[in-house]
Amino acid sequence: MRQYCERYGETIYNVSKSFGEIPKWEGPTAERIAAEMNEKIPLDTLVERRRWRDARLSALAKLKKEMKEQEQKGE
């Protein structure tokens, strides 16, 4: 998560400025985000979590395709 904050934090901050005061994703804020994410999804379970996410996304894509096909058939 720290690498994510380092990589994308400035961009997220710049895009979000139009929404009002936005905390920068650095220093204590980045540390808090990393700690909370590591608590929610510990690094030793990250591979398993990614597999779960990918399976869910695949199932969603399949469902959307089936729904579109049914819609096109008028069902």
Protein backbone atom coordinates (compact mmCIF):
# COMPACT_ATOMS: atom_id res chain seq x y z
CA MET A 1 0.00 0.00 0.00
CA ARG A 2 2.91 2.34 0.68
CA GLN A 3 4.14 1.87 -2.88
CA TYR A 4 0.63 2.64 -4.13
CA CYS A 5 0.60 5.85 -2.10
CA GLU A 6 4.04 6.80 -3.39
CA ARG A 7 3.11 6.00 -6.99
CA TYR A 8 -0.40 7.45 -7.19
CA GLY A 9 -0.77 9.72 -4.17
CA GLU A 10 0.15 12.94 -5.94
CA THR A 11 -2.16 12.20 -8.88
CA ILE A 12 -5.05 11.31 -6.59
CA TYR A 13 -4.42 14.49 -4.64
CA ASN A 14 -4.37 16.65 -7.77
CA VAL A 15 -7.56 15.12 -9.16
CA SER A 16 -9.31 15.34 -5.80
CA LYS A 17 -8.51 19.02 -5.17
CA SER A 18 -11.77 20.04 -6.83
CA PHE A 19 -13.71 18.19 -4.09
CA GLY A 20 -12.49 20.43 -1.27
CA GLU A 21 -9.69 19.92 1.22
CA ILE A 22 -8.00 16.59 0.59
CA PRO A 23 -5.26 15.12 2.76
CA LYS A 24 -2.03 14.27 0.94
CA TRP A 25 -1.23 10.57 0.70
CA GLU A 26 2.13 10.83 2.39
CA GLY A 27 3.71 10.75 5.82
CA PRO A 28 1.32 9.89 8.66
CA THR A 29 -1.68 9.63 6.32
CA ALA A 30 0.06 7.07 4.10
CA GLU A 31 1.25 5.15 7.17
CA ARG A 32 -2.30 5.04 8.57
CA ILE A 33 -3.73 3.88 5.23
CA ALA A 34 -1.05 1.17 4.92
CA ALA A 35 -1.64 -0.01 8.49
CA GLU A 36 -5.41 -0.19 8.00
CA MET A 37 -5.08 -2.03 4.69
CA ASN A 38 -2.55 -4.47 6.16
CA GLU A 39 -4.93 -5.10 9.06
CA LYS A 40 -7.84 -5.73 6.70
CA ILE A 41 -5.85 -7.80 4.21
CA PRO A 42 -2.57 -9.03 5.74
CA LEU A 43 0.29 -9.29 3.28
CA ASP A 44 0.54 -13.06 3.80
CA THR A 45 -3.05 -13.44 2.47
CA LEU A 46 -2.67 -10.98 -0.41
CA VAL A 47 -2.21 -13.65 -3.11
CA GLU A 48 -5.32 -15.47 -1.89
CA ARG A 49 -7.28 -12.19 -1.78
CA ARG A 50 -6.23 -11.36 -5.35
CA ARG A 51 -7.41 -14.77 -6.53
CA TRP A 52 -10.77 -14.17 -4.80
CA ARG A 53 -11.04 -10.70 -6.39
CA ASP A 54 -10.18 -12.05 -9.85
CA ALA A 55 -12.74 -14.85 -9.53
CA ARG A 56 -15.42 -12.35 -8.49
CA LEU A 57 -14.56 -10.02 -11.38
CA SER A 58 -14.68 -12.94 -13.82
CA ALA A 59 -18.08 -14.00 -12.48
CA LEU A 60 -19.34 -10.43 -12.79
CA ALA A 61 -18.10 -10.15 -16.37
CA LYS A 62 -19.80 -13.46 -17.22
CA LEU A 63 -23.06 -12.31 -15.64
CA LYS A 64 -22.98 -8.99 -17.49
CA LYS A 65 -22.34 -10.80 -20.79
CA GLU A 66 -25.23 -13.20 -20.16
CA MET A 67 -27.55 -10.33 -19.23
CA LYS A 68 -26.59 -8.41 -22.37
CA GLU A 69 -27.25 -11.49 -24.52
CA GLN A 70 -30.65 -11.99 -22.87
CA GLU A 71 -31.47 -8.31 -23.40
CA GLN A 72 -30.56 -8.53 -27.07
CA LYS A 73 -32.80 -11.59 -27.45
CA GLY A 74 -35.63 -9.71 -25.79
CA GLU A 75 -35.83 -11.96 -22.77
